[in-house]
Amino acid sequence: MFARLSHILLLVSAILAFVPVLVVDYFLDTYVDYRESEQLQDAVEAVTAETQKTVAEGVDALRRVLEKSPSLCSPTFINNTQTELQASQVLRQFAVSSDDGVQLCQAFGQGFAATPLSETVSIAGSEETITVVQIEGQSEPALQISALVRPRKLVSVYTPVNPQLLFGHPQALAGATLVRISLTNGNNIATFGDPKLVERSRHSSSYIRAEAIAGSLPIRVEAAVPFGAVRIGYADLDVGFTFVACLMSAAFLWLSLQYVRRTNVPVFNLERAIMAGQLKPRYQPVINLNTGEIAGCEVLIRWEKPSGEIISPGAFIEYAEMSGLAIPMTLSLMEQVRDDLEPLSQEQPLLKISINLFEGHFRDGTIVDDVKAIFEGSSVEFDQLVFEITERQPLEDMADANQTIAELHRLGVRVALDDAGTGHSNLAYLQTMGIDIIKIDKVFVDLIKSRSQPVPVVDALIAMAKDLGTDIIAEGVETEEQALYLRSHGVVFAQGYLFAPALPLPDYLLLARQLNANQTIAPDDALGASQAA
């Protein structure tokens, strides 16, 4: 089978060596689209960043005035507002009005008037509100940032949506043909270009588009430019791009030959295997060393081919991560786990189900929604789930990772650090990422040779986990001496071949029901009890 696939790959590679000239326009169009989209997106985000800065300055000034002013419209209040206006290049006016719109006082001048152009909307995470207004005598719209400080009294500061609007078209988007700034509810603030073309560009591939939301503000900036207008500037690259495409095809052919010659790993049909349901879960029991009962399981994966051949994860996991297939693979696995373990989860609600996540799940950003979609409404409760951070590749964006973990915690899910102290599994994550469980890797457990001989590395990991209030699971326990040593040092949970390998579903269900027949696991002895306490 593999040899047959190799021959097909050789044939395809040979064909690819002759087609680059025919598809050079496609590749160049893709390059232009990517580069111009990136530049346009950067420009849009520059405008939203400036907008955030402007609104933040207005909010801070409003709060300072209210903090320093014991009463409204008093000389102290007027003096404080004037001080803020003089210190800022973007703030235009302060005003106090009743909640029915009657103006009571203002910082400078008389007869200041602002007409609302939109409904009042909230700022996420803030008590202040925003209204788009038209200030009398000025051509560009402005933002009214308001705070309700007492019944029937509204204190407002007025600032431009973006300082660049003072001069018309935002400078950062000078190359865009169409620009629209609006509230996220659809109310328009400013449009540069034909509004009909702005709407048409949403559904047309002939435009390069970009949009961004101004952080926590309900303000959206959209920009578009006809693809043909920017494509003209790349005409001189056609010949060079054709040459590069030919080199790439030749290199692809050579690399394919080398790969087919050297590889022994049948990874070419992994995607089809996922779709066909050939990747199956195995359940490795986690044993309570104090009671001998099962506290839960770690879900592992095996590739079961139609021929009956079973491929271990070491042969395809790395490829799955690099290709992005780890995400659909995990979704398929979670769906199977839900269906497999619903009855047992109802019978034994203290059992935990541990599933591995990869670095790509934290970049993708949809794992929390996926967990809710799969397990919500099922008999597997969220508090029965544990997700292990498995770092074959380092986490690139710690802010995104922290947010994902926080959202999982809000569901009631617990998070474990797999292979603690090895590879990219930085022990600093225990404090910065809200880790609930650490798993002591087999490489450290293997250092235990006798129940009476100290193992400083293992002892240090155990002590650290206890200080931080996290649970501990020892992996790869293969001897009775190791199990006794760990239990004597306060480790309650362990897994490994001493107890059981990764089992098919029927074997795991039978073992769990036999060992837990009396349901004697006390809450304090259940995995997760240290956090619940």
Protein backbone atom coordinates (compact mmCIF):
# COMPACT_ATOMS: atom_id res chain seq x y z
CA MET A 1 0.00 0.00 0.00
CA PHE A 2 2.73 2.43 0.97
CA ALA A 3 4.77 1.60 -2.16
CA ARG A 4 1.69 2.29 -4.25
CA LEU A 5 1.25 5.69 -2.65
CA SER A 6 4.92 6.41 -3.25
CA HIS A 7 4.48 5.77 -6.98
CA ILE A 8 1.47 8.09 -7.09
CA LEU A 9 3.47 10.77 -5.31
CA LEU A 10 6.29 10.44 -7.84
CA LEU A 11 3.84 10.82 -10.72
CA VAL A 12 2.20 13.87 -9.19
CA SER A 13 5.60 15.43 -8.46
CA ALA A 14 6.69 14.91 -12.07
CA ILE A 15 3.54 16.62 -13.34
CA LEU A 16 4.05 19.53 -10.96
CA ALA A 17 7.46 20.16 -12.51
CA PHE A 18 5.73 21.20 -15.77
CA VAL A 19 2.78 23.25 -14.58
CA PRO A 20 4.22 26.29 -12.73
CA VAL A 21 4.20 28.52 -15.83
CA LEU A 22 0.49 27.81 -16.28
CA VAL A 23 -0.35 28.76 -12.71
CA VAL A 24 2.09 31.63 -12.19
CA ASP A 25 -0.71 34.21 -12.28
CA TYR A 26 -2.55 32.32 -9.57
CA PHE A 27 0.52 32.25 -7.32
CA LEU A 28 1.25 35.90 -7.97
CA ASP A 29 -2.36 36.86 -7.27
CA THR A 30 -2.19 34.90 -4.02
CA TYR A 31 1.04 36.66 -3.07
CA VAL A 32 -0.39 40.10 -3.88
CA ASP A 33 -3.59 39.34 -2.00
CA TYR A 34 -1.65 38.15 1.06
CA ARG A 35 0.77 41.05 1.14
CA GLU A 36 -1.79 43.79 0.46
CA SER A 37 -4.30 42.24 2.89
CA GLU A 38 -1.64 42.20 5.59
CA GLN A 39 -0.72 45.82 4.95
CA LEU A 40 -4.36 46.90 4.87
CA GLN A 41 -5.04 45.00 8.09
CA ASP A 42 -2.07 46.68 9.76
CA ALA A 43 -3.42 50.07 8.67
CA VAL A 44 -6.90 49.29 10.00
CA GLU A 45 -5.49 48.12 13.33
CA ALA A 46 -3.40 51.30 13.54
CA VAL A 47 -6.61 53.33 13.26
CA THR A 48 -8.42 51.23 15.89
CA ALA A 49 -5.41 51.49 18.21
CA GLU A 50 -5.48 55.28 17.88
CA THR A 51 -9.22 55.24 18.53
CA GLN A 52 -8.72 53.16 21.69
CA LYS A 53 -6.05 55.58 22.85
CA THR A 54 -8.30 58.58 22.25
CA VAL A 55 -11.28 57.07 24.08
CA ALA A 56 -9.07 55.90 26.95
CA GLU A 57 -7.76 59.46 27.33
CA GLY A 58 -11.34 60.72 27.46
CA VAL A 59 -12.40 58.12 30.04
CA ASP A 60 -9.37 58.84 32.24
CA ALA A 61 -9.96 62.58 32.07
CA LEU A 62 -13.65 62.14 32.95
CA ARG A 63 -12.79 59.99 35.94
CA ARG A 64 -10.14 62.43 37.19
CA VAL A 65 -12.58 65.33 37.01
CA LEU A 66 -15.27 63.44 38.93
CA GLU A 67 -12.75 62.28 41.54
CA LYS A 68 -11.47 65.82 42.15
CA SER A 69 -14.85 67.58 42.04
CA PRO A 70 -17.09 67.24 45.11
CA SER A 71 -20.02 68.82 43.27
CA LEU A 72 -21.04 69.40 39.66
CA CYS A 73 -21.01 72.79 37.87
CA SER A 74 -19.15 74.36 40.81
CA PRO A 75 -16.09 76.60 40.23
CA THR A 76 -13.90 73.66 41.27
CA PHE A 77 -15.60 71.41 38.71
CA ILE A 78 -15.26 74.00 35.93
CA ASN A 79 -11.61 74.61 36.80
CA ASN A 80 -10.86 70.85 36.76
CA THR A 81 -12.50 70.37 33.36
CA GLN A 82 -10.62 73.32 31.89
CA THR A 83 -7.35 71.94 33.23
CA GLU A 84 -8.01 68.61 31.49
CA LEU A 85 -8.95 70.30 28.22
CA GLN A 86 -5.81 72.43 28.22
CA ALA A 87 -3.61 69.39 28.89
CA SER A 88 -5.06 67.35 26.04
CA GLN A 89 -4.79 67.69 22.28
CA VAL A 90 -7.92 65.67 21.56
CA LEU A 91 -10.52 66.51 24.24
CA ARG A 92 -12.93 69.18 23.01
CA GLN A 93 -15.47 69.91 25.75
CA PHE A 94 -16.94 68.85 29.09
CA ALA A 95 -20.64 69.24 29.79
CA VAL A 96 -23.17 68.36 32.48
CA SER A 97 -26.76 67.66 31.53
CA SER A 98 -29.89 66.14 32.97
CA ASP A 99 -30.91 62.73 31.76
CA ASP A 100 -33.57 64.32 29.52
CA GLY A 101 -30.91 66.26 27.62
CA VAL A 102 -31.11 69.70 29.27
CA GLN A 103 -27.59 71.12 29.50
CA LEU A 104 -26.68 72.45 32.96
CA CYS A 105 -23.10 73.67 32.47
CA GLN A 106 -20.00 73.27 30.31
CA ALA A 107 -16.26 73.83 30.60
CA PHE A 108 -15.80 76.61 28.01
CA GLY A 109 -18.11 79.01 26.21
CA GLN A 110 -21.87 79.10 25.95
CA GLY A 111 -24.35 77.56 23.58
CA PHE A 112 -22.44 74.32 23.08
CA ALA A 113 -24.72 71.85 21.33
CA ALA A 114 -24.26 68.24 20.28
CA THR A 115 -26.86 66.23 18.36
CA PRO A 116 -26.90 62.46 18.89
CA LEU A 117 -26.29 60.43 15.73
CA SER A 118 -26.62 57.00 17.33
CA GLU A 119 -28.05 55.21 20.30
CA THR A 120 -25.98 55.11 23.48
CA VAL A 121 -23.88 51.95 23.83
CA SER A 122 -21.83 50.52 26.69
CA ILE A 123 -18.06 50.10 26.86
CA ALA A 124 -17.18 46.52 27.79
CA GLY A 125 -15.82 46.34 31.32
CA SER A 126 -16.56 50.01 32.04
CA GLU A 127 -19.40 52.02 33.57
CA GLU A 128 -19.04 54.77 30.96
CA THR A 129 -21.13 54.86 27.79
CA ILE A 130 -20.50 56.12 24.25
CA THR A 131 -22.77 58.05 21.90
CA VAL A 132 -21.85 59.28 18.42
CA VAL A 133 -22.77 62.99 18.18
CA GLN A 134 -22.50 65.88 15.77
CA ILE A 135 -21.08 68.98 17.45
CA GLU A 136 -22.61 72.15 16.12
CA GLY A 137 -20.21 73.99 13.82
CA GLN A 138 -17.92 71.00 13.21
CA SER A 139 -17.97 68.77 10.13
CA GLU A 140 -16.71 65.48 11.59
CA PRO A 141 -18.66 63.39 14.11
CA ALA A 142 -17.41 63.05 17.67
CA LEU A 143 -17.83 60.66 20.60
CA GLN A 144 -19.69 61.64 23.74
CA ILE A 145 -18.23 59.65 26.63
CA SER A 146 -20.64 59.87 29.56
CA ALA A 147 -20.94 58.79 33.16
CA LEU A 148 -24.16 58.81 35.19
CA VAL A 149 -22.90 60.09 38.55
CA ARG A 150 -26.12 60.70 40.33
CA PRO A 151 -29.83 60.47 39.53
CA ARG A 152 -30.71 62.65 36.54
CA LYS A 153 -27.15 63.99 36.10
CA LEU A 154 -24.94 63.01 33.16
CA VAL A 155 -21.31 64.19 32.93
CA SER A 156 -19.83 63.96 29.43
CA VAL A 157 -16.55 64.60 27.69
CA TYR A 158 -16.37 65.01 23.92
CA THR A 159 -13.55 63.65 21.80
CA PRO A 160 -13.07 62.80 18.13
CA VAL A 161 -13.64 59.19 17.03
CA ASN A 162 -10.07 59.29 15.75
CA PRO A 163 -7.77 62.35 15.70
CA GLN A 164 -7.07 61.74 12.01
CA LEU A 165 -10.74 62.39 11.22
CA LEU A 166 -10.04 66.04 12.01
CA PHE A 167 -8.25 66.12 8.68
CA GLY A 168 -10.69 63.93 6.72
CA HIS A 169 -9.60 60.50 5.44
CA PRO A 170 -7.51 58.64 8.12
CA GLN A 171 -3.85 58.99 7.16
CA ALA A 172 -3.04 55.36 8.04
CA LEU A 173 -5.57 54.29 5.40
CA ALA A 174 -4.47 56.69 2.69
CA GLY A 175 -4.13 53.82 0.20
CA ALA A 176 -7.65 52.47 0.77
CA THR A 177 -10.38 53.34 -1.73
CA LEU A 178 -13.23 52.64 0.67
CA VAL A 179 -13.19 53.26 4.44
CA ARG A 180 -16.04 52.93 6.91
CA ILE A 181 -16.02 53.62 10.65
CA SER A 182 -19.13 52.44 12.50
CA LEU A 183 -20.47 51.15 15.77
CA THR A 184 -20.60 47.39 16.07
CA ASN A 185 -24.42 47.57 16.11
CA GLY A 186 -24.28 48.92 12.53
CA ASN A 187 -24.71 52.65 13.14
CA ASN A 188 -22.46 54.54 10.73
CA ILE A 189 -19.96 57.10 12.03
CA ALA A 190 -18.00 58.07 8.92
CA THR A 191 -17.68 56.69 5.39
CA PHE A 192 -15.04 57.61 2.82
CA GLY A 193 -15.96 56.41 -0.64
CA ASP A 194 -19.22 55.10 -2.09
CA PRO A 195 -21.23 53.41 0.76
CA LYS A 196 -22.79 51.00 -1.77
CA LEU A 197 -19.32 49.85 -2.83
CA VAL A 198 -18.40 49.33 0.82
CA GLU A 199 -21.32 46.92 1.21
CA ARG A 200 -20.65 45.26 -2.16
CA SER A 201 -17.02 44.62 -1.24
CA ARG A 202 -18.10 42.36 1.64
CA HIS A 203 -19.15 39.64 -0.77
CA SER A 204 -16.78 40.23 -3.67
CA SER A 205 -13.41 38.57 -4.26
CA SER A 206 -12.42 41.52 -6.47
CA TYR A 207 -11.76 43.60 -3.34
CA ILE A 208 -9.10 43.28 -0.66
CA ARG A 209 -10.79 43.89 2.67
CA ALA A 210 -9.76 44.33 6.26
CA GLU A 211 -11.61 45.14 9.44
CA ALA A 212 -10.90 45.40 13.15
CA ILE A 213 -12.73 46.11 16.39
CA ALA A 214 -11.25 48.78 18.65
CA GLY A 215 -10.52 46.48 21.60
CA SER A 216 -13.30 46.69 24.19
CA LEU A 217 -14.91 49.61 22.37
CA PRO A 218 -18.02 48.99 20.23
CA ILE A 219 -16.31 50.59 17.20
CA ARG A 220 -15.50 48.81 13.94
CA VAL A 221 -13.18 50.05 11.19
CA GLU A 222 -13.50 48.55 7.70
CA ALA A 223 -11.41 49.25 4.62
CA ALA A 224 -11.40 47.92 1.06
CA VAL A 225 -9.45 48.46 -2.13
CA PRO A 226 -10.11 46.95 -5.58
CA PHE A 227 -7.71 44.07 -6.21
CA GLY A 228 -7.00 45.26 -9.75
CA ALA A 229 -5.79 48.62 -8.47
CA VAL A 230 -2.98 47.05 -6.42
CA ARG A 231 -2.26 44.16 -8.80
CA ILE A 232 -0.96 46.57 -11.48
CA GLY A 233 1.97 47.50 -9.27
CA TYR A 234 3.30 43.92 -9.34
CA ALA A 235 3.51 43.51 -13.13
CA ASP A 236 7.33 43.42 -13.09
CA LEU A 237 7.27 40.37 -10.80
CA ASP A 238 5.57 38.10 -13.36
CA VAL A 239 8.80 36.92 -15.03
CA GLY A 240 10.68 36.55 -11.76
CA PHE A 241 7.76 34.77 -10.13
CA THR A 242 7.63 32.27 -13.00
CA PHE A 243 11.31 31.49 -12.50
CA VAL A 244 10.84 31.08 -8.74
CA ALA A 245 7.82 28.82 -9.29
CA CYS A 246 9.87 26.55 -11.56
CA LEU A 247 12.60 26.30 -8.93
CA MET A 248 10.03 25.50 -6.26
CA SER A 249 8.53 22.70 -8.38
CA ALA A 250 11.96 21.23 -9.07
CA ALA A 251 12.79 21.40 -5.37
CA PHE A 252 9.44 19.82 -4.54
CA LEU A 253 10.14 16.95 -6.90
CA TRP A 254 13.59 16.35 -5.42
CA LEU A 255 12.33 16.52 -1.81
CA SER A 256 9.48 14.14 -2.65
CA LEU A 257 11.95 11.63 -4.05
CA GLN A 258 14.09 11.88 -0.94
CA TYR A 259 11.10 11.55 1.36
CA VAL A 260 9.73 8.47 -0.39
CA ARG A 261 13.17 6.87 -0.30
CA ARG A 262 13.75 7.44 3.41
CA THR A 263 10.42 7.50 5.22
CA ASN A 264 8.84 4.48 6.88
CA VAL A 265 5.86 6.35 8.33
CA PRO A 266 2.53 6.01 6.49
CA VAL A 267 1.15 9.50 7.17
CA PHE A 268 -0.24 10.37 3.76
CA ASN A 269 -3.78 9.25 4.42
CA LEU A 270 -4.07 10.55 8.01
CA GLU A 271 -6.76 13.09 7.12
CA ARG A 272 -8.91 10.42 5.48
CA ALA A 273 -8.31 8.16 8.49
CA ILE A 274 -9.70 10.86 10.80
CA MET A 275 -12.79 11.27 8.60
CA ALA A 276 -13.26 7.50 8.45
CA GLY A 277 -13.11 7.17 12.24
CA GLN A 278 -9.99 5.01 12.22
CA LEU A 279 -8.37 6.94 15.07
CA LYS A 280 -9.73 5.34 18.22
CA PRO A 281 -9.41 6.19 21.90
CA ARG A 282 -7.67 4.00 24.43
CA TYR A 283 -8.19 4.49 28.15
CA GLN A 284 -5.27 4.20 30.58
CA PRO A 285 -6.57 3.95 34.15
CA VAL A 286 -5.39 6.38 36.82
CA ILE A 287 -5.22 4.46 40.09
CA ASN A 288 -5.80 5.76 43.62
CA LEU A 289 -2.74 4.43 45.49
CA ASN A 290 -4.56 4.68 48.83
CA THR A 291 -7.64 2.65 47.90
CA GLY A 292 -6.60 0.67 44.81
CA GLU A 293 -9.65 2.00 43.00
CA ILE A 294 -9.77 3.82 39.67
CA ALA A 295 -9.81 7.62 39.94
CA GLY A 296 -10.17 8.18 36.20
CA CYS A 297 -8.31 7.68 32.97
CA GLU A 298 -6.08 9.37 30.42
CA VAL A 299 -7.42 9.18 26.88
CA LEU A 300 -4.74 8.04 24.44
CA ILE A 301 -5.11 7.44 20.71
CA ARG A 302 -4.39 4.63 18.29
CA TRP A 303 -4.72 4.43 14.51
CA GLU A 304 -6.63 1.24 13.69
CA LYS A 305 -6.31 0.54 9.97
CA PRO A 306 -8.90 -1.57 8.11
CA SER A 307 -6.26 -4.26 7.70
CA GLY A 308 -6.15 -4.67 11.48
CA GLU A 309 -2.76 -2.95 11.81
CA ILE A 310 -2.56 -0.66 14.84
CA ILE A 311 -0.23 2.34 14.62
CA SER A 312 1.02 3.99 17.81
CA PRO A 313 0.68 7.78 18.19
CA GLY A 314 4.45 8.31 18.01
CA ALA A 315 4.21 7.62 14.27
CA PHE A 316 1.67 10.34 13.44
CA ILE A 317 1.14 12.84 16.30
CA GLU A 318 3.99 15.15 15.25
CA TYR A 319 2.76 15.16 11.67
CA ALA A 320 -0.79 15.88 12.88
CA GLU A 321 0.42 18.90 14.85
CA MET A 322 2.51 20.29 12.00
CA SER A 323 -0.28 19.85 9.44
CA GLY A 324 -3.07 21.24 11.63
CA LEU A 325 -4.83 17.86 11.73
CA ALA A 326 -4.41 17.67 15.52
CA ILE A 327 -7.48 19.87 15.97
CA PRO A 328 -10.00 17.76 13.97
CA MET A 329 -8.32 14.66 15.41
CA THR A 330 -9.00 15.89 18.96
CA LEU A 331 -12.61 16.81 18.11
CA SER A 332 -13.22 13.31 16.77
CA LEU A 333 -11.59 11.83 19.87
CA MET A 334 -13.72 13.92 22.26
CA GLU A 335 -16.93 12.89 20.47
CA GLN A 336 -15.97 9.22 20.77
CA VAL A 337 -15.03 9.66 24.45
CA ARG A 338 -18.38 11.29 25.16
CA ASP A 339 -20.29 8.45 23.54
CA ASP A 340 -18.06 5.78 25.13
CA LEU A 341 -18.08 7.03 28.72
CA GLU A 342 -21.54 8.57 29.21
CA PRO A 343 -22.95 5.51 31.04
CA LEU A 344 -19.87 5.10 33.28
CA SER A 345 -19.78 8.86 34.03
CA GLN A 346 -23.34 8.63 35.34
CA GLU A 347 -22.58 5.55 37.41
CA GLN A 348 -19.32 6.89 38.86
CA PRO A 349 -19.44 10.73 38.88
CA LEU A 350 -16.12 11.04 40.71
CA LEU A 351 -14.16 9.53 37.80
CA LYS A 352 -12.10 12.01 35.77
CA ILE A 353 -11.47 11.89 32.02
CA SER A 354 -8.16 13.40 30.92
CA ILE A 355 -7.70 14.52 27.29
CA ASN A 356 -4.55 15.95 25.71
CA LEU A 357 -4.44 19.39 24.08
CA PHE A 358 -1.73 20.68 21.76
CA GLU A 359 -0.16 24.08 21.13
CA GLY A 360 -2.38 24.52 18.07
CA HIS A 361 -5.52 24.42 20.22
CA PHE A 362 -4.41 27.60 21.99
CA ARG A 363 -3.67 29.37 18.69
CA ASP A 364 -6.91 28.21 17.11
CA GLY A 365 -8.98 29.74 19.92
CA THR A 366 -12.06 27.53 19.44
CA ILE A 367 -11.31 24.72 21.87
CA VAL A 368 -13.61 26.10 24.61
CA ASP A 369 -16.54 26.36 22.19
CA ASP A 370 -15.76 22.85 20.95
CA VAL A 371 -15.76 21.44 24.49
CA LYS A 372 -19.13 23.08 25.20
CA ALA A 373 -20.62 21.90 21.91
CA ILE A 374 -19.52 18.29 22.48
CA PHE A 375 -20.11 17.78 26.21
CA GLU A 376 -22.85 20.26 27.11
CA GLY A 377 -26.08 18.39 27.69
CA SER A 378 -24.33 15.01 27.83
CA SER A 379 -23.97 12.76 30.86
CA VAL A 380 -20.27 13.67 31.02
CA GLU A 381 -20.19 16.70 33.31
CA PHE A 382 -17.65 19.47 32.76
CA ASP A 383 -16.20 18.88 36.25
CA GLN A 384 -15.35 15.32 35.17
CA LEU A 385 -13.05 16.62 32.43
CA VAL A 386 -9.31 17.29 32.70
CA PHE A 387 -7.37 18.75 29.78
CA GLU A 388 -3.62 18.15 29.70
CA ILE A 389 -1.27 20.72 28.16
CA THR A 390 0.99 18.56 26.02
CA GLU A 391 3.88 20.66 24.72
CA ARG A 392 5.71 19.06 21.88
CA GLN A 393 5.89 22.65 20.63
CA PRO A 394 6.18 25.68 22.96
CA LEU A 395 3.15 27.88 23.61
CA GLU A 396 3.77 31.00 21.52
CA ASP A 397 1.10 33.34 22.91
CA MET A 398 0.86 33.08 26.68
CA ALA A 399 -1.94 35.66 26.84
CA ASP A 400 -4.15 33.52 24.58
CA ALA A 401 -3.22 30.40 26.54
CA ASN A 402 -4.12 32.06 29.85
CA GLN A 403 -7.45 33.22 28.44
CA THR A 404 -8.27 29.74 27.13
CA ILE A 405 -7.42 28.14 30.48
CA ALA A 406 -9.51 30.74 32.34
CA GLU A 407 -12.49 29.97 30.09
CA LEU A 408 -12.04 26.23 30.67
CA HIS A 409 -11.96 26.86 34.42
CA ARG A 410 -15.21 28.82 34.16
CA LEU A 411 -16.82 25.72 32.69
CA GLY A 412 -15.62 23.69 35.67
CA VAL A 413 -12.93 21.87 33.69
CA ARG A 414 -9.52 21.24 35.30
CA VAL A 415 -6.15 21.68 33.59
CA ALA A 416 -3.05 19.48 33.99
CA LEU A 417 0.57 20.09 33.01
CA ASP A 418 1.80 16.94 31.28
CA ASP A 419 5.41 15.74 31.55
CA ALA A 420 6.20 18.36 34.20
CA GLY A 421 9.82 19.49 34.14
CA THR A 422 10.64 18.03 30.70
CA GLY A 423 10.78 19.53 27.22
CA HIS A 424 8.78 22.74 26.95
CA SER A 425 6.72 22.00 30.06
CA ASN A 426 8.04 24.94 32.03
CA LEU A 427 7.34 24.66 35.75
CA ALA A 428 6.73 28.43 35.82
CA TYR A 429 3.38 27.66 34.15
CA LEU A 430 2.15 26.32 37.48
CA GLN A 431 1.85 29.85 38.84
CA THR A 432 1.18 31.85 35.67
CA MET A 433 -1.39 29.62 33.97
CA GLY A 434 -3.58 28.32 36.78
CA ILE A 435 -2.51 24.69 36.50
CA ASP A 436 -4.60 22.35 38.72
CA ILE A 437 -2.64 19.09 38.30
CA ILE A 438 0.98 18.25 37.49
CA LYS A 439 1.94 14.92 35.98
CA ILE A 440 5.36 13.64 36.98
CA ASP A 441 6.94 12.25 33.82
CA LYS A 442 8.09 8.64 33.54
CA VAL A 443 11.70 9.81 33.12
CA PHE A 444 11.64 10.93 36.79
CA VAL A 445 9.62 7.97 38.06
CA ASP A 446 12.24 5.66 36.51
CA LEU A 447 14.80 7.17 38.93
CA ILE A 448 12.99 5.44 41.81
CA LYS A 449 14.80 2.17 42.48
CA SER A 450 13.87 1.53 46.09
CA ARG A 451 11.13 2.70 48.43
CA SER A 452 13.77 3.73 50.97
CA GLN A 453 16.29 5.51 48.72
CA PRO A 454 15.52 9.26 48.31
CA VAL A 455 15.09 10.68 44.80
CA PRO A 456 15.67 14.46 45.14
CA VAL A 457 14.14 15.42 41.79
CA VAL A 458 10.91 13.54 42.48
CA ASP A 459 10.79 14.78 46.07
CA ALA A 460 11.23 18.37 44.88
CA LEU A 461 8.39 18.07 42.34
CA ILE A 462 6.10 16.60 44.99
CA ALA A 463 6.99 19.31 47.51
CA MET A 464 6.45 22.07 44.96
CA ALA A 465 3.05 20.70 43.95
CA LYS A 466 1.97 20.47 47.58
CA ASP A 467 3.09 24.06 48.25
CA LEU A 468 1.06 25.26 45.27
CA GLY A 469 -1.99 23.20 46.21
CA THR A 470 -2.03 21.20 42.99
CA ASP A 471 -2.82 17.53 42.61
CA ILE A 472 -0.12 15.11 41.45
CA ILE A 473 -0.33 12.16 39.06
CA ALA A 474 2.75 9.99 38.56
CA GLU A 475 3.11 8.55 35.05
CA GLY A 476 4.90 5.43 33.88
CA VAL A 477 4.78 3.53 37.17
CA GLU A 478 6.06 0.05 36.36
CA THR A 479 7.25 -1.45 39.63
CA GLU A 480 5.80 -2.00 43.08
CA GLU A 481 8.78 -0.20 44.61
CA GLN A 482 7.93 2.92 42.64
CA ALA A 483 4.28 2.80 43.71
CA LEU A 484 5.19 2.33 47.39
CA TYR A 485 7.74 5.16 47.28
CA LEU A 486 5.25 7.54 45.71
CA ARG A 487 2.49 6.63 48.16
CA SER A 488 4.80 7.06 51.12
CA HIS A 489 5.62 10.57 49.89
CA GLY A 490 2.00 11.62 49.64
CA VAL A 491 1.31 10.94 45.97
CA VAL A 492 -2.24 9.61 45.69
CA PHE A 493 -2.69 9.07 41.94
CA ALA A 494 -0.59 7.11 39.45
CA GLN A 495 -0.79 5.40 36.09
CA GLY A 496 1.44 2.94 34.30
CA TYR A 497 1.94 -0.64 33.22
CA LEU A 498 2.10 -1.81 36.85
CA PHE A 499 -1.66 -1.22 36.96
CA ALA A 500 -2.79 -1.40 33.32
CA PRO A 501 -1.76 -0.28 29.83
CA ALA A 502 -4.03 1.85 27.65
CA LEU A 503 -7.15 -0.30 27.32
CA PRO A 504 -9.86 -0.65 24.69
CA LEU A 505 -13.25 0.58 25.90
CA PRO A 506 -14.76 -2.79 26.96
CA ASP A 507 -11.70 -3.67 29.04
CA TYR A 508 -11.63 -0.26 30.73
CA LEU A 509 -15.35 -0.34 31.55
CA LEU A 510 -15.01 -3.86 33.01
CA LEU A 511 -11.98 -2.88 35.12
CA ALA A 512 -13.60 0.34 36.39
CA ARG A 513 -16.79 -1.46 37.41
CA GLN A 514 -14.89 -4.29 39.10
CA LEU A 515 -12.41 -2.15 41.04
CA ASN A 516 -14.99 0.48 41.95
CA ALA A 517 -17.81 -1.95 42.63
CA ASN A 518 -18.30 -0.68 46.18
CA GLN A 519 -17.92 3.03 45.25
CA THR A 520 -15.73 3.65 48.31
CA ILE A 521 -13.89 6.65 46.87
CA ALA A 522 -14.39 9.43 49.40
CA PRO A 523 -14.52 13.04 48.14
CA ASP A 524 -11.21 13.80 49.84
CA ASP A 525 -9.63 10.87 47.97
CA ALA A 526 -11.04 11.81 44.55
CA LEU A 527 -8.89 13.42 41.89
CA GLY A 528 -9.49 17.15 42.25
CA ALA A 529 -10.34 17.13 45.95
CA SER A 530 -7.37 19.32 46.91
CA GLN A 531 -8.75 22.13 44.79
CA ALA A 532 -12.35 21.55 45.82
CA ALA A 533 -11.28 21.85 49.44
